């Protein structure tokens, strides 16, 4: 690839992360091209379809999601692994509205992400089984509760970015406490700070 073509590809991907990250996958491809400072024809030479652009745009987030799943399953403490997976998934979704849309398959052209979601749900199912055996995850937990959690978490996407990340960490902490089978015998860890109204 020529250096100018390579530079254009990088600009398009950076622009797609910014545009899809803030506006979600419904943002038009032409807006990505404008943000990148290239014409639509240039964008389509590199990414013939919106789906191809989405897949490449969120490749890093997909790798992070896969790593979080692997690490959670490898954790010798199933409850700790479960907690970390909840925190990391919430954080990945908080960083990008587009990745959250793709993971939740809220956009028809993001169907490639279905396998990622299914892999995560299988991991949660296995982790839940192990964590329930320790007595620390409530016995009524089912895998669909993760989808319920992420559906509620998507409501944070309308907040400004800084407040969104802060709120996401607090939300994850509350959800972990809700999933816990019994209260902590010692004083629980303090919650992450709450976002302040008007946080930019």
C-alpha atoms as a PDB file:
ATOM      1  CA  UNK A   1       0.000   0.000   0.000  1.00  0.00           C
ATOM      2  CA  UNK A   2       1.366   3.435  -0.928  1.00  0.00           C
ATOM      3  CA  UNK A   3       2.142   5.733   1.978  1.00  0.00           C
ATOM      4  CA  UNK A   4      -0.643   8.192   1.044  1.00  0.00           C
ATOM      5  CA  UNK A   5      -3.172   5.357   0.831  1.00  0.00           C
ATOM      6  CA  UNK A   6      -1.955   4.003   4.165  1.00  0.00           C
ATOM      7  CA  UNK A   7      -2.298   7.466   5.735  1.00  0.00           C
ATOM      8  CA  UNK A   8      -5.834   7.786   4.368  1.00  0.00           C
ATOM      9  CA  UNK A   9      -6.773   4.407   5.830  1.00  0.00           C
ATOM     10  CA  UNK A  10      -5.453   5.418   9.246  1.00  0.00           C
ATOM     11  CA  UNK A  11      -7.350   8.732   9.089  1.00  0.00           C
ATOM     12  CA  UNK A  12     -10.568   6.943   8.165  1.00  0.00           C
ATOM     13  CA  UNK A  13     -10.242   4.479  11.058  1.00  0.00           C
ATOM     14  CA  UNK A  14      -9.433   7.255  13.544  1.00  0.00           C
ATOM     15  CA  UNK A  15     -12.435   9.205  12.302  1.00  0.00           C
ATOM     16  CA  UNK A  16     -14.693   6.144  12.490  1.00  0.00           C
ATOM     17  CA  UNK A  17     -13.663   5.506  16.107  1.00  0.00           C
ATOM     18  CA  UNK A  18     -14.491   9.114  16.967  1.00  0.00           C
ATOM     19  CA  UNK A  19     -17.782   9.339  15.049  1.00  0.00           C
ATOM     20  CA  UNK A  20     -19.157   5.866  15.851  1.00  0.00           C
ATOM     21  CA  UNK A  21     -17.804   6.121  19.396  1.00  0.00           C
ATOM     22  CA  UNK A  22     -19.826   9.228  20.169  1.00  0.00           C
ATOM     23  CA  UNK A  23     -22.847   8.880  17.869  1.00  0.00           C
ATOM     24  CA  UNK A  24     -23.232   5.119  17.544  1.00  0.00           C
ATOM     25  CA  UNK A  25     -23.413   2.992  14.439  1.00  0.00           C
ATOM     26  CA  UNK A  26     -26.339   4.880  12.965  1.00  0.00           C
ATOM     27  CA  UNK A  27     -23.926   7.708  12.059  1.00  0.00           C
ATOM     28  CA  UNK A  28     -23.592   7.851   8.246  1.00  0.00           C
ATOM     29  CA  UNK A  29     -20.392   6.786   6.529  1.00  0.00           C
ATOM     30  CA  UNK A  30     -20.249  10.162   4.769  1.00  0.00           C
ATOM     31  CA  UNK A  31     -19.843  11.805   8.186  1.00  0.00           C
ATOM     32  CA  UNK A  32     -16.863   9.536   8.860  1.00  0.00           C
ATOM     33  CA  UNK A  33     -15.363  10.586   5.510  1.00  0.00           C
ATOM     34  CA  UNK A  34     -15.884  14.281   6.315  1.00  0.00           C
ATOM     35  CA  UNK A  35     -14.317  13.831   9.745  1.00  0.00           C
ATOM     36  CA  UNK A  36     -11.322  12.092   8.129  1.00  0.00           C
ATOM     37  CA  UNK A  37     -10.942  14.800   5.509  1.00  0.00           C
ATOM     38  CA  UNK A  38     -11.310  12.392   2.588  1.00  0.00           C
ATOM     39  CA  UNK A  39     -13.951  11.871  -0.061  1.00  0.00           C
ATOM     40  CA  UNK A  40     -16.491   9.026   0.144  1.00  0.00           C
ATOM     41  CA  UNK A  41     -14.809   7.316  -2.813  1.00  0.00           C
ATOM     42  CA  UNK A  42     -11.534   7.157  -0.893  1.00  0.00           C
ATOM     43  CA  UNK A  43     -13.263   5.678   2.130  1.00  0.00           C
ATOM     44  CA  UNK A  44     -15.055   3.052   0.030  1.00  0.00           C
ATOM     45  CA  UNK A  45     -11.801   2.043  -1.685  1.00  0.00           C
ATOM     46  CA  UNK A  46     -10.508   0.948   1.706  1.00  0.00           C
ATOM     47  CA  UNK A  47     -13.817  -0.245   3.168  1.00  0.00           C
ATOM     48  CA  UNK A  48     -16.321  -1.310   0.486  1.00  0.00           C
ATOM     49  CA  UNK A  49     -19.158  -1.695   3.018  1.00  0.00           C
ATOM     50  CA  UNK A  50     -20.137  -0.115   6.297  1.00  0.00           C
ATOM     51  CA  UNK A  51     -19.872  -3.548   7.917  1.00  0.00           C
ATOM     52  CA  UNK A  52     -16.215  -3.831   6.852  1.00  0.00           C
ATOM     53  CA  UNK A  53     -15.540  -0.403   8.338  1.00  0.00           C
ATOM     54  CA  UNK A  54     -17.278  -1.319  11.619  1.00  0.00           C
ATOM     55  CA  UNK A  55     -15.389  -4.592  11.974  1.00  0.00           C
ATOM     56  CA  UNK A  56     -12.007  -2.916  11.443  1.00  0.00           C
ATOM     57  CA  UNK A  57     -12.869   0.127  13.562  1.00  0.00           C
ATOM     58  CA  UNK A  58     -13.553  -1.957  16.651  1.00  0.00           C
ATOM     59  CA  UNK A  59     -10.929  -4.655  16.128  1.00  0.00           C
ATOM     60  CA  UNK A  60      -8.989  -3.508  19.194  1.00  0.00           C
ATOM     61  CA  UNK A  61     -12.082  -3.503  21.416  1.00  0.00           C
ATOM     62  CA  UNK A  62     -12.892  -7.000  20.211  1.00  0.00           C
ATOM     63  CA  UNK A  63      -9.406  -8.166  21.160  1.00  0.00           C
ATOM     64  CA  UNK A  64      -9.793  -6.538  24.591  1.00  0.00           C
ATOM     65  CA  UNK A  65     -13.136  -8.265  25.057  1.00  0.00           C
ATOM     66  CA  UNK A  66     -11.647 -11.651  24.122  1.00  0.00           C
ATOM     67  CA  UNK A  67      -8.741 -11.061  26.533  1.00  0.00           C
ATOM     68  CA  UNK A  68     -11.130 -10.139  29.348  1.00  0.00           C
ATOM     69  CA  UNK A  69     -13.052 -13.367  28.778  1.00  0.00           C
ATOM     70  CA  UNK A  70      -9.873 -15.470  28.744  1.00  0.00           C
ATOM     71  CA  UNK A  71      -8.525 -13.825  31.892  1.00  0.00           C
ATOM     72  CA  UNK A  72     -11.813 -14.262  33.732  1.00  0.00           C
ATOM     73  CA  UNK A  73     -11.968 -17.962  32.923  1.00  0.00           C
ATOM     74  CA  UNK A  74      -8.314 -18.428  33.902  1.00  0.00           C
ATOM     75  CA  UNK A  75      -8.767 -16.767  37.305  1.00  0.00           C
ATOM     76  CA  UNK A  76      -8.431 -19.339  40.103  1.00  0.00           C
ATOM     77  CA  UNK A  77     -11.019 -17.341  42.093  1.00  0.00           C
ATOM     78  CA  UNK A  78     -14.216 -17.634  40.061  1.00  0.00           C
ATOM     79  CA  UNK A  79     -15.995 -14.829  41.924  1.00  0.00           C
ATOM     80  CA  UNK A  80     -13.054 -12.469  41.357  1.00  0.00           C
ATOM     81  CA  UNK A  81     -12.976 -13.420  37.677  1.00  0.00           C
ATOM     82  CA  UNK A  82     -16.710 -12.761  37.425  1.00  0.00           C
ATOM     83  CA  UNK A  83     -16.349  -9.345  39.063  1.00  0.00           C
ATOM     84  CA  UNK A  84     -13.503  -8.321  36.769  1.00  0.00           C
ATOM     85  CA  UNK A  85     -15.411  -9.417  33.666  1.00  0.00           C
ATOM     86  CA  UNK A  86     -18.419  -7.303  34.659  1.00  0.00           C
ATOM     87  CA  UNK A  87     -16.166  -4.287  35.276  1.00  0.00           C
ATOM     88  CA  UNK A  88     -14.234  -4.676  32.034  1.00  0.00           C
ATOM     89  CA  UNK A  89     -17.279  -5.199  29.833  1.00  0.00           C
ATOM     90  CA  UNK A  90     -18.955  -2.122  31.304  1.00  0.00           C
ATOM     91  CA  UNK A  91     -15.794  -0.089  30.747  1.00  0.00           C
ATOM     92  CA  UNK A  92     -15.430  -1.222  27.128  1.00  0.00           C
ATOM     93  CA  UNK A  93     -19.039  -0.269  26.450  1.00  0.00           C
ATOM     94  CA  UNK A  94     -18.720   3.081  28.214  1.00  0.00           C
ATOM     95  CA  UNK A  95     -15.766   4.103  26.065  1.00  0.00           C
ATOM     96  CA  UNK A  96     -17.650   3.725  22.798  1.00  0.00           C
ATOM     97  CA  UNK A  97     -21.321   3.950  21.917  1.00  0.00           C
ATOM     98  CA  UNK A  98     -20.489   2.254  18.609  1.00  0.00           C
ATOM     99  CA  UNK A  99     -18.874  -0.771  20.232  1.00  0.00           C
ATOM    100  CA  UNK A 100     -21.839  -1.085  22.598  1.00  0.00           C
ATOM    101  CA  UNK A 101     -24.201  -0.991  19.590  1.00  0.00           C
ATOM    102  CA  UNK A 102     -22.154  -3.612  17.762  1.00  0.00           C
ATOM    103  CA  UNK A 103     -21.846  -5.923  20.773  1.00  0.00           C
ATOM    104  CA  UNK A 104     -25.568  -5.712  21.463  1.00  0.00           C
ATOM    105  CA  UNK A 105     -26.268  -6.160  17.717  1.00  0.00           C
ATOM    106  CA  UNK A 106     -28.403  -3.037  17.779  1.00  0.00           C
ATOM    107  CA  UNK A 107     -27.319  -2.331  14.205  1.00  0.00           C
ATOM    108  CA  UNK A 108     -27.998  -4.864  11.426  1.00  0.00           C
ATOM    109  CA  UNK A 109     -24.582  -4.394   9.782  1.00  0.00           C
ATOM    110  CA  UNK A 110     -22.758  -5.341  13.003  1.00  0.00           C
ATOM    111  CA  UNK A 111     -23.780  -8.996  12.918  1.00  0.00           C
ATOM    112  CA  UNK A 112     -20.125 -10.084  12.885  1.00  0.00           C
ATOM    113  CA  UNK A 113     -20.131  -9.157  16.562  1.00  0.00           C
ATOM    114  CA  UNK A 114     -22.726 -11.813  17.370  1.00  0.00           C
ATOM    115  CA  UNK A 115     -19.956 -14.388  17.863  1.00  0.00           C
ATOM    116  CA  UNK A 116     -18.224 -12.058  20.339  1.00  0.00           C
ATOM    117  CA  UNK A 117     -21.402 -11.697  22.338  1.00  0.00           C
ATOM    118  CA  UNK A 118     -22.069 -15.430  22.297  1.00  0.00           C
ATOM    119  CA  UNK A 119     -18.493 -16.143  23.402  1.00  0.00           C
ATOM    120  CA  UNK A 120     -18.877 -13.683  26.273  1.00  0.00           C
ATOM    121  CA  UNK A 121     -22.212 -15.158  27.322  1.00  0.00           C
ATOM    122  CA  UNK A 122     -20.750 -18.681  27.296  1.00  0.00           C
ATOM    123  CA  UNK A 123     -17.888 -17.443  29.464  1.00  0.00           C
ATOM    124  CA  UNK A 124     -20.322 -15.791  31.862  1.00  0.00           C
ATOM    125  CA  UNK A 125     -22.301 -19.028  32.032  1.00  0.00           C
ATOM    126  CA  UNK A 126     -19.200 -21.035  32.925  1.00  0.00           C
ATOM    127  CA  UNK A 127     -17.975 -18.403  35.385  1.00  0.00           C
ATOM    128  CA  UNK A 128     -21.421 -18.220  36.973  1.00  0.00           C
ATOM    129  CA  UNK A 129     -21.484 -21.969  37.485  1.00  0.00           C
ATOM    130  CA  UNK A 130     -18.082 -21.877  39.210  1.00  0.00           C
ATOM    131  CA  UNK A 131     -18.863 -18.758  41.255  1.00  0.00           C
ATOM    132  CA  UNK A 132     -22.184 -20.213  42.405  1.00  0.00           C
ATOM    133  CA  UNK A 133     -20.329 -23.305  43.602  1.00  0.00           C
ATOM    134  CA  UNK A 134     -18.271 -21.052  45.888  1.00  0.00           C
ATOM    135  CA  UNK A 135     -21.472 -19.627  47.369  1.00  0.00           C
ATOM    136  CA  UNK A 136     -20.515 -16.053  46.478  1.00  0.00           C
ATOM    137  CA  UNK A 137     -22.686 -15.539  43.380  1.00  0.00           C
ATOM    138  CA  UNK A 138     -26.394 -15.595  44.069  1.00  0.00           C
ATOM    139  CA  UNK A 139     -27.974 -18.868  42.925  1.00  0.00           C
ATOM    140  CA  UNK A 140     -30.693 -17.091  40.939  1.00  0.00           C
ATOM    141  CA  UNK A 141     -28.233 -15.469  38.540  1.00  0.00           C
ATOM    142  CA  UNK A 142     -28.767 -16.439  34.880  1.00  0.00           C
ATOM    143  CA  UNK A 143     -26.735 -15.463  31.818  1.00  0.00           C
ATOM    144  CA  UNK A 144     -29.544 -13.284  30.480  1.00  0.00           C
ATOM    145  CA  UNK A 145     -28.918 -11.035  33.486  1.00  0.00           C
ATOM    146  CA  UNK A 146     -25.732  -9.835  31.758  1.00  0.00           C
ATOM    147  CA  UNK A 147     -27.786  -8.679  28.755  1.00  0.00           C
ATOM    148  CA  UNK A 148     -30.252  -7.013  31.136  1.00  0.00           C
ATOM    149  CA  UNK A 149     -27.323  -5.262  32.827  1.00  0.00           C
ATOM    150  CA  UNK A 150     -25.840  -4.047  29.528  1.00  0.00           C
ATOM    151  CA  UNK A 151     -29.238  -2.877  28.292  1.00  0.00           C
ATOM    152  CA  UNK A 152     -29.515  -0.697  31.393  1.00  0.00           C
ATOM    153  CA  UNK A 153     -25.882   0.375  31.012  1.00  0.00           C
ATOM    154  CA  UNK A 154     -26.587   1.741  27.529  1.00  0.00           C
ATOM    155  CA  UNK A 155     -28.627   4.476  29.187  1.00  0.00           C
ATOM    156  CA  UNK A 156     -25.325   6.023  30.278  1.00  0.00           C
ATOM    157  CA  UNK A 157     -24.356   6.697  26.653  1.00  0.00           C
ATOM    158  CA  UNK A 158     -26.259   9.980  26.643  1.00  0.00           C
ATOM    159  CA  UNK A 159     -24.022  11.406  29.383  1.00  0.00           C
ATOM    160  CA  UNK A 160     -20.899  13.460  28.537  1.00  0.00           C
ATOM    161  CA  UNK A 161     -17.839  11.251  28.089  1.00  0.00           C
ATOM    162  CA  UNK A 162     -16.104  12.017  31.414  1.00  0.00           C
ATOM    163  CA  UNK A 163     -19.303  11.565  33.405  1.00  0.00           C
ATOM    164  CA  UNK A 164     -20.134   8.420  31.416  1.00  0.00           C
ATOM    165  CA  UNK A 165     -16.920   6.655  32.410  1.00  0.00           C
ATOM    166  CA  UNK A 166     -17.325   7.629  36.075  1.00  0.00           C
ATOM    167  CA  UNK A 167     -20.966   6.552  36.106  1.00  0.00           C
ATOM    168  CA  UNK A 168     -20.097   3.263  34.385  1.00  0.00           C
ATOM    169  CA  UNK A 169     -17.625   2.281  37.111  1.00  0.00           C
ATOM    170  CA  UNK A 170     -20.173   3.063  39.821  1.00  0.00           C
ATOM    171  CA  UNK A 171     -22.893   1.200  37.927  1.00  0.00           C
ATOM    172  CA  UNK A 172     -20.656  -1.882  37.625  1.00  0.00           C
ATOM    173  CA  UNK A 173     -19.944  -1.773  41.372  1.00  0.00           C
ATOM    174  CA  UNK A 174     -23.660  -1.658  42.160  1.00  0.00           C
ATOM    175  CA  UNK A 175     -24.353  -4.551  39.798  1.00  0.00           C
ATOM    176  CA  UNK A 176     -21.634  -6.682  41.387  1.00  0.00           C
ATOM    177  CA  UNK A 177     -23.194  -6.082  44.798  1.00  0.00           C
ATOM    178  CA  UNK A 178     -26.583  -7.052  43.368  1.00  0.00           C
ATOM    179  CA  UNK A 179     -25.109 -10.303  42.029  1.00  0.00           C
ATOM    180  CA  UNK A 180     -23.413 -11.158  45.336  1.00  0.00           C
ATOM    181  CA  UNK A 181     -25.085 -14.022  47.205  1.00  0.00           C
ATOM    182  CA  UNK A 182     -24.493 -12.711  50.717  1.00  0.00           C
ATOM    183  CA  UNK A 183     -23.324  -9.412  52.179  1.00  0.00           C
ATOM    184  CA  UNK A 184     -19.625  -8.959  52.862  1.00  0.00           C
ATOM    185  CA  UNK A 185     -18.670 -10.114  56.371  1.00  0.00           C
ATOM    186  CA  UNK A 186     -16.266  -7.186  56.563  1.00  0.00           C
ATOM    187  CA  UNK A 187     -16.941  -3.586  55.597  1.00  0.00           C
ATOM    188  CA  UNK A 188     -17.536  -3.496  51.833  1.00  0.00           C
ATOM    189  CA  UNK A 189     -15.123  -1.626  49.602  1.00  0.00           C
ATOM    190  CA  UNK A 190     -16.202   1.955  48.967  1.00  0.00           C
ATOM    191  CA  UNK A 191     -18.082   2.582  45.737  1.00  0.00           C
ATOM    192  CA  UNK A 192     -16.366   4.457  42.909  1.00  0.00           C
ATOM    193  CA  UNK A 193     -17.246   8.182  43.017  1.00  0.00           C
ATOM    194  CA  UNK A 194     -20.519   9.364  41.555  1.00  0.00           C
ATOM    195  CA  UNK A 195     -20.413  11.703  38.545  1.00  0.00           C
ATOM    196  CA  UNK A 196     -21.190  15.307  39.384  1.00  0.00           C
ATOM    197  CA  UNK A 197     -23.973  17.095  37.486  1.00  0.00           C
ATOM    198  CA  UNK A 198     -22.521  19.133  34.670  1.00  0.00           C
ATOM    199  CA  UNK A 199     -19.312  17.104  34.368  1.00  0.00           C
ATOM    200  CA  UNK A 200     -17.940  17.952  30.892  1.00  0.00           C
END
